[in-house]
Amino acid sequence: MDPHPLHPRPPAPTVGQPTAGARRSGVLPLALLRCSHPGAVLAVTVLTTVLAATGGHPVGSAALVGAAVLSGQLSVGWSNDARDAARDTAAERADKPVAVGDITARTLWTAAVAALAVCAVLSLACGTLAGTVHLLGVAGAWAYNLRLKSTVLSWLPYAVGFAALPAFVALAAPGGTTPAWWAVAAGALLGVAAHLADVLPDLRQDLAAGVRGLPQRLGARTTRALLPLPLVAATAVLVVGPPDVPGLAVALAPPAAVALALGGLALGRRVRHAPFVGAVGVAVLAVGLLVASGAGTG
């Protein structure tokens, strides 16, 4: 029974219909920002741009690489929330703008496709081979959103997408350089870790919605146990792979990676996205190792 029969609640917004409040208050720009997954977008864009700026790229080239990565990440974030709009609305996800009617799935799809088009232009402006590699990584992320998210191969797009970033930076450098195996391998390992950390807070909701990716099949306990492994492995690759890694970095990097990974997991029981923040911390450490070694990505 409605506790206020004279003032009944308005019907819940559908996926394609924003609330009147949203139309009046003009919250569309903020909703777009929130739907982009801004934390992940910022982390990936900044780290890739830093890698380019410290890896032999002139300022303009590093900025172009950063803009290409930014547009690609925006397209991935928006397409993710657009694809999940019906599921999030049915689950009454108050943290999702599309579920509370602040934005429509159609608007998100439009923004995602527009960002993808911009990404294609900017990526190919960095060079045909470099741009193709980056676009393959972005395509993998779209494949995750559209299909692979609910399969046992859910980790693969993350591995491909993150491995593509250092390869893109190397190939887009003036004259183009061959991507170093350790940079690509570390990127792939960090991608797997990012997947595990990103899914962990929403694992129960995903299972209830029928999402059956690899972490959901493994369960929360196993996912927590596995998460530190690719993070530490990525750090180990960057310690033994590049030439001339400073001795202090060799000594401090592995225990620092363990501390960041385990610290994120421990805080994750109280802070929702702490495991992902821990994974980003290890990614920062990885970029630092590349810069300290002077190896860059090539």
Foldseek 3Di string as FASTA:
>chain_A
DDPCVVDDDDDADAQAAADPVLVVVVCVVVLLCLQLVVVVLVLVLVLLLVLLVLQAADPVLSVLLSLLSNLLSSLLSLLLCLLCLRVCLVVCPPSHCSNRRNDHSVVSNVSSVVSLVVSLVSLCVLPPVLSVLQNVLSVLSSCLSNPQQQAQCNLVSLLSNQLSSLQSSQQSHVVHDGFFPLNSLLRSLLSSLLVLLVCLLCLVSCVVSNRHYNDNVVDNVVSLVCNLVSLLVSLVSLLPPFPQQDPVCNVPLNVLLVCLQVVLSVCCVPDVRSNNVSSSVSSVSSSVRCSRRSPRGD
